[in-house]
């Protein structure tokens, strides 16, 4: 019995893998785009060259704010002016070009808005962990933001224990 989304085709296995969404240069979406590209390439593009993989990634980069960048990259690739050892190196360059500083700001803003509300502590911890990834918060502000986001009752209990 094969796992869901996997089927036999010829002598090999075929995995159903979602393609990445179109990336328009929005900083808050660059990490998701990069992850989706990596997953698809690892599952479906084994045996292709780095140049082919980069061209495939570029086919999902579309929109006014990224078209000039994309054209420049394609020209440099064709002229041999750009050389990447792996598609991962190219995806890191995309992340640096479109998201490094702004994405961090988006993450910090999300973290500051995050509140436990009616969620269990476990649900809050999981959501906090997801949100904090990529924020580059250091330990102390990280802990303070966590405490700030807890619901009032839990925070009061914590304060009593800390004293």
C-alpha atoms as a PDB file:
ATOM      1  CA  UNK A   1       0.000   0.000   0.000  1.00  0.00           C
ATOM      2  CA  UNK A   2       1.375   3.401  -0.983  1.00  0.00           C
ATOM      3  CA  UNK A   3       1.016   6.610   0.992  1.00  0.00           C
ATOM      4  CA  UNK A   4      -1.647   9.110  -0.011  1.00  0.00           C
ATOM      5  CA  UNK A   5      -0.515  11.255  -2.956  1.00  0.00           C
ATOM      6  CA  UNK A   6       1.975   8.599  -4.163  1.00  0.00           C
ATOM      7  CA  UNK A   7       1.322   6.238  -7.065  1.00  0.00           C
ATOM      8  CA  UNK A   8       3.311   3.819  -9.215  1.00  0.00           C
ATOM      9  CA  UNK A   9       4.189   4.978 -12.708  1.00  0.00           C
ATOM     10  CA  UNK A  10       6.275   2.587 -14.721  1.00  0.00           C
ATOM     11  CA  UNK A  11       9.059   1.343 -12.499  1.00  0.00           C
ATOM     12  CA  UNK A  12       9.183   4.391 -10.228  1.00  0.00           C
ATOM     13  CA  UNK A  13       6.966   6.245  -7.797  1.00  0.00           C
ATOM     14  CA  UNK A  14       5.161   9.469  -8.591  1.00  0.00           C
ATOM     15  CA  UNK A  15       4.601  11.962  -5.763  1.00  0.00           C
ATOM     16  CA  UNK A  16       1.909  14.591  -5.964  1.00  0.00           C
ATOM     17  CA  UNK A  17       3.562  17.863  -4.913  1.00  0.00           C
ATOM     18  CA  UNK A  18       2.039  21.329  -5.051  1.00  0.00           C
ATOM     19  CA  UNK A  19       3.791  23.910  -7.183  1.00  0.00           C
ATOM     20  CA  UNK A  20       4.724  27.183  -5.494  1.00  0.00           C
ATOM     21  CA  UNK A  21       2.400  30.172  -5.702  1.00  0.00           C
ATOM     22  CA  UNK A  22       3.322  33.016  -8.049  1.00  0.00           C
ATOM     23  CA  UNK A  23       5.766  35.323  -6.280  1.00  0.00           C
ATOM     24  CA  UNK A  24       5.322  39.040  -6.941  1.00  0.00           C
ATOM     25  CA  UNK A  25       8.143  40.350  -4.760  1.00  0.00           C
ATOM     26  CA  UNK A  26       6.137  40.793  -1.550  1.00  0.00           C
ATOM     27  CA  UNK A  27       8.559  40.514   1.382  1.00  0.00           C
ATOM     28  CA  UNK A  28       6.128  38.719   3.674  1.00  0.00           C
ATOM     29  CA  UNK A  29       5.668  35.908   1.152  1.00  0.00           C
ATOM     30  CA  UNK A  30       9.257  35.209   0.132  1.00  0.00           C
ATOM     31  CA  UNK A  31       9.912  32.488   2.746  1.00  0.00           C
ATOM     32  CA  UNK A  32       6.805  30.532   1.783  1.00  0.00           C
ATOM     33  CA  UNK A  33       7.731  30.807  -1.875  1.00  0.00           C
ATOM     34  CA  UNK A  34      11.290  29.596  -1.248  1.00  0.00           C
ATOM     35  CA  UNK A  35      10.114  26.643   0.864  1.00  0.00           C
ATOM     36  CA  UNK A  36       7.521  25.611  -1.749  1.00  0.00           C
ATOM     37  CA  UNK A  37      10.163  25.763  -4.489  1.00  0.00           C
ATOM     38  CA  UNK A  38      12.615  23.648  -2.474  1.00  0.00           C
ATOM     39  CA  UNK A  39       9.979  20.989  -1.760  1.00  0.00           C
ATOM     40  CA  UNK A  40       8.879  20.752  -5.378  1.00  0.00           C
ATOM     41  CA  UNK A  41      12.416  20.642  -6.759  1.00  0.00           C
ATOM     42  CA  UNK A  42      13.501  17.918  -4.319  1.00  0.00           C
ATOM     43  CA  UNK A  43      10.441  15.808  -5.068  1.00  0.00           C
ATOM     44  CA  UNK A  44       9.944  16.341  -8.801  1.00  0.00           C
ATOM     45  CA  UNK A  45      13.054  17.779 -10.470  1.00  0.00           C
ATOM     46  CA  UNK A  46      15.738  15.256  -9.650  1.00  0.00           C
ATOM     47  CA  UNK A  47      18.113  14.909 -12.574  1.00  0.00           C
ATOM     48  CA  UNK A  48      17.637  18.430 -13.920  1.00  0.00           C
ATOM     49  CA  UNK A  49      20.461  20.937 -14.090  1.00  0.00           C
ATOM     50  CA  UNK A  50      20.809  23.884 -11.732  1.00  0.00           C
ATOM     51  CA  UNK A  51      20.159  26.225 -14.670  1.00  0.00           C
ATOM     52  CA  UNK A  52      16.900  24.405 -15.512  1.00  0.00           C
ATOM     53  CA  UNK A  53      15.806  24.545 -11.882  1.00  0.00           C
ATOM     54  CA  UNK A  54      16.541  28.281 -11.697  1.00  0.00           C
ATOM     55  CA  UNK A  55      14.603  28.898 -14.894  1.00  0.00           C
ATOM     56  CA  UNK A  56      11.698  26.899 -13.464  1.00  0.00           C
ATOM     57  CA  UNK A  57      11.767  28.993 -10.259  1.00  0.00           C
ATOM     58  CA  UNK A  58      11.830  32.189 -12.334  1.00  0.00           C
ATOM     59  CA  UNK A  59       8.679  31.072 -14.156  1.00  0.00           C
ATOM     60  CA  UNK A  60       6.827  31.657 -10.859  1.00  0.00           C
ATOM     61  CA  UNK A  61       8.336  35.120 -10.334  1.00  0.00           C
ATOM     62  CA  UNK A  62       5.836  37.491 -11.938  1.00  0.00           C
ATOM     63  CA  UNK A  63       4.596  41.026 -11.493  1.00  0.00           C
ATOM     64  CA  UNK A  64       5.572  44.623 -12.121  1.00  0.00           C
ATOM     65  CA  UNK A  65       7.892  44.916  -9.137  1.00  0.00           C
ATOM     66  CA  UNK A  66       9.901  41.797 -10.042  1.00  0.00           C
ATOM     67  CA  UNK A  67       9.845  41.720 -13.842  1.00  0.00           C
ATOM     68  CA  UNK A  68      12.956  43.894 -14.327  1.00  0.00           C
ATOM     69  CA  UNK A  69      14.887  41.872 -11.732  1.00  0.00           C
ATOM     70  CA  UNK A  70      13.772  38.642 -13.407  1.00  0.00           C
ATOM     71  CA  UNK A  71      14.811  39.891 -16.869  1.00  0.00           C
ATOM     72  CA  UNK A  72      18.261  40.856 -15.528  1.00  0.00           C
ATOM     73  CA  UNK A  73      18.725  37.433 -13.933  1.00  0.00           C
ATOM     74  CA  UNK A  74      17.662  35.633 -17.125  1.00  0.00           C
ATOM     75  CA  UNK A  75      20.079  37.728 -19.211  1.00  0.00           C
ATOM     76  CA  UNK A  76      22.922  37.054 -16.777  1.00  0.00           C
ATOM     77  CA  UNK A  77      22.139  33.323 -16.813  1.00  0.00           C
ATOM     78  CA  UNK A  78      22.159  33.192 -20.614  1.00  0.00           C
ATOM     79  CA  UNK A  79      25.450  35.122 -20.775  1.00  0.00           C
ATOM     80  CA  UNK A  80      27.019  32.919 -18.108  1.00  0.00           C
ATOM     81  CA  UNK A  81      27.501  35.919 -15.824  1.00  0.00           C
ATOM     82  CA  UNK A  82      25.616  34.247 -12.964  1.00  0.00           C
ATOM     83  CA  UNK A  83      26.802  30.965 -11.581  1.00  0.00           C
ATOM     84  CA  UNK A  84      25.129  29.166  -8.727  1.00  0.00           C
ATOM     85  CA  UNK A  85      26.402  25.883  -7.352  1.00  0.00           C
ATOM     86  CA  UNK A  86      22.849  24.877  -6.436  1.00  0.00           C
ATOM     87  CA  UNK A  87      19.292  26.079  -6.735  1.00  0.00           C
ATOM     88  CA  UNK A  88      19.371  26.495  -2.940  1.00  0.00           C
ATOM     89  CA  UNK A  89      22.027  29.167  -3.367  1.00  0.00           C
ATOM     90  CA  UNK A  90      19.790  30.931  -5.907  1.00  0.00           C
ATOM     91  CA  UNK A  91      16.764  30.703  -3.592  1.00  0.00           C
ATOM     92  CA  UNK A  92      18.858  32.229  -0.789  1.00  0.00           C
ATOM     93  CA  UNK A  93      19.664  35.113  -3.151  1.00  0.00           C
ATOM     94  CA  UNK A  94      15.925  35.610  -3.801  1.00  0.00           C
ATOM     95  CA  UNK A  95      15.273  35.664  -0.071  1.00  0.00           C
ATOM     96  CA  UNK A  96      18.026  38.212   0.456  1.00  0.00           C
ATOM     97  CA  UNK A  97      16.875  40.372  -2.477  1.00  0.00           C
ATOM     98  CA  UNK A  98      13.202  40.499  -1.573  1.00  0.00           C
ATOM     99  CA  UNK A  99      12.717  39.762   2.062  1.00  0.00           C
ATOM    100  CA  UNK A 100      15.516  39.868   4.533  1.00  0.00           C
ATOM    101  CA  UNK A 101      14.899  43.170   6.305  1.00  0.00           C
ATOM    102  CA  UNK A 102      11.234  43.697   5.501  1.00  0.00           C
ATOM    103  CA  UNK A 103      10.239  40.130   6.344  1.00  0.00           C
ATOM    104  CA  UNK A 104      11.885  40.501   9.730  1.00  0.00           C
ATOM    105  CA  UNK A 105       9.833  43.667  10.360  1.00  0.00           C
ATOM    106  CA  UNK A 106       6.644  41.866   9.344  1.00  0.00           C
ATOM    107  CA  UNK A 107       7.460  39.021  11.756  1.00  0.00           C
ATOM    108  CA  UNK A 108       8.159  41.445  14.616  1.00  0.00           C
ATOM    109  CA  UNK A 109       4.854  43.259  13.955  1.00  0.00           C
ATOM    110  CA  UNK A 110       2.976  39.934  13.924  1.00  0.00           C
ATOM    111  CA  UNK A 111       4.656  38.951  17.182  1.00  0.00           C
ATOM    112  CA  UNK A 112       3.647  42.209  18.855  1.00  0.00           C
ATOM    113  CA  UNK A 113      -0.006  41.603  17.863  1.00  0.00           C
ATOM    114  CA  UNK A 114      -0.060  37.968  18.969  1.00  0.00           C
ATOM    115  CA  UNK A 115      -2.230  37.255  22.023  1.00  0.00           C
ATOM    116  CA  UNK A 116      -3.303  34.050  23.724  1.00  0.00           C
ATOM    117  CA  UNK A 117      -6.929  35.074  24.167  1.00  0.00           C
ATOM    118  CA  UNK A 118      -9.067  31.952  24.597  1.00  0.00           C
ATOM    119  CA  UNK A 119      -6.432  29.546  23.222  1.00  0.00           C
ATOM    120  CA  UNK A 120      -4.890  26.901  25.432  1.00  0.00           C
ATOM    121  CA  UNK A 121      -1.294  27.512  26.473  1.00  0.00           C
ATOM    122  CA  UNK A 122      -0.165  24.735  24.102  1.00  0.00           C
ATOM    123  CA  UNK A 123      -1.963  26.379  21.158  1.00  0.00           C
ATOM    124  CA  UNK A 124      -0.475  29.753  22.081  1.00  0.00           C
ATOM    125  CA  UNK A 125       3.044  28.296  22.369  1.00  0.00           C
ATOM    126  CA  UNK A 126       2.756  26.665  18.909  1.00  0.00           C
ATOM    127  CA  UNK A 127       1.475  29.869  17.311  1.00  0.00           C
ATOM    128  CA  UNK A 128       4.168  31.916  19.075  1.00  0.00           C
ATOM    129  CA  UNK A 129       6.899  29.562  17.834  1.00  0.00           C
ATOM    130  CA  UNK A 130       5.596  29.758  14.270  1.00  0.00           C
ATOM    131  CA  UNK A 131       5.467  33.543  14.420  1.00  0.00           C
ATOM    132  CA  UNK A 132       8.872  34.031  16.052  1.00  0.00           C
ATOM    133  CA  UNK A 133      10.724  32.085  13.327  1.00  0.00           C
ATOM    134  CA  UNK A 134      12.520  34.629  11.194  1.00  0.00           C
ATOM    135  CA  UNK A 135      12.014  37.536  13.612  1.00  0.00           C
ATOM    136  CA  UNK A 136      15.631  37.413  14.860  1.00  0.00           C
ATOM    137  CA  UNK A 137      14.473  38.317  18.332  1.00  0.00           C
ATOM    138  CA  UNK A 138      17.103  37.786  20.997  1.00  0.00           C
ATOM    139  CA  UNK A 139      16.270  35.846  24.153  1.00  0.00           C
ATOM    140  CA  UNK A 140      15.129  38.658  26.501  1.00  0.00           C
ATOM    141  CA  UNK A 141      12.722  40.499  24.138  1.00  0.00           C
ATOM    142  CA  UNK A 142      11.487  37.102  22.983  1.00  0.00           C
ATOM    143  CA  UNK A 143      10.504  36.153  26.548  1.00  0.00           C
ATOM    144  CA  UNK A 144       8.932  39.558  27.206  1.00  0.00           C
ATOM    145  CA  UNK A 145       6.796  39.319  24.044  1.00  0.00           C
ATOM    146  CA  UNK A 146       5.672  35.852  25.080  1.00  0.00           C
ATOM    147  CA  UNK A 147       4.640  37.083  28.531  1.00  0.00           C
ATOM    148  CA  UNK A 148       2.900  40.120  27.040  1.00  0.00           C
ATOM    149  CA  UNK A 149       0.831  37.913  24.735  1.00  0.00           C
ATOM    150  CA  UNK A 150      -0.382  35.563  27.465  1.00  0.00           C
ATOM    151  CA  UNK A 151      -3.900  36.025  28.760  1.00  0.00           C
ATOM    152  CA  UNK A 152      -4.215  38.062  31.974  1.00  0.00           C
ATOM    153  CA  UNK A 153      -5.017  35.137  34.285  1.00  0.00           C
ATOM    154  CA  UNK A 154      -2.021  33.095  33.164  1.00  0.00           C
ATOM    155  CA  UNK A 155       0.268  36.127  33.302  1.00  0.00           C
ATOM    156  CA  UNK A 156      -0.788  36.879  36.912  1.00  0.00           C
ATOM    157  CA  UNK A 157      -0.081  33.277  37.935  1.00  0.00           C
ATOM    158  CA  UNK A 158       3.354  33.518  36.318  1.00  0.00           C
ATOM    159  CA  UNK A 159       4.141  36.781  38.105  1.00  0.00           C
ATOM    160  CA  UNK A 160       3.254  35.170  41.470  1.00  0.00           C
ATOM    161  CA  UNK A 161       5.579  32.246  40.743  1.00  0.00           C
ATOM    162  CA  UNK A 162       8.429  34.556  39.647  1.00  0.00           C
ATOM    163  CA  UNK A 163       8.255  36.627  42.857  1.00  0.00           C
END
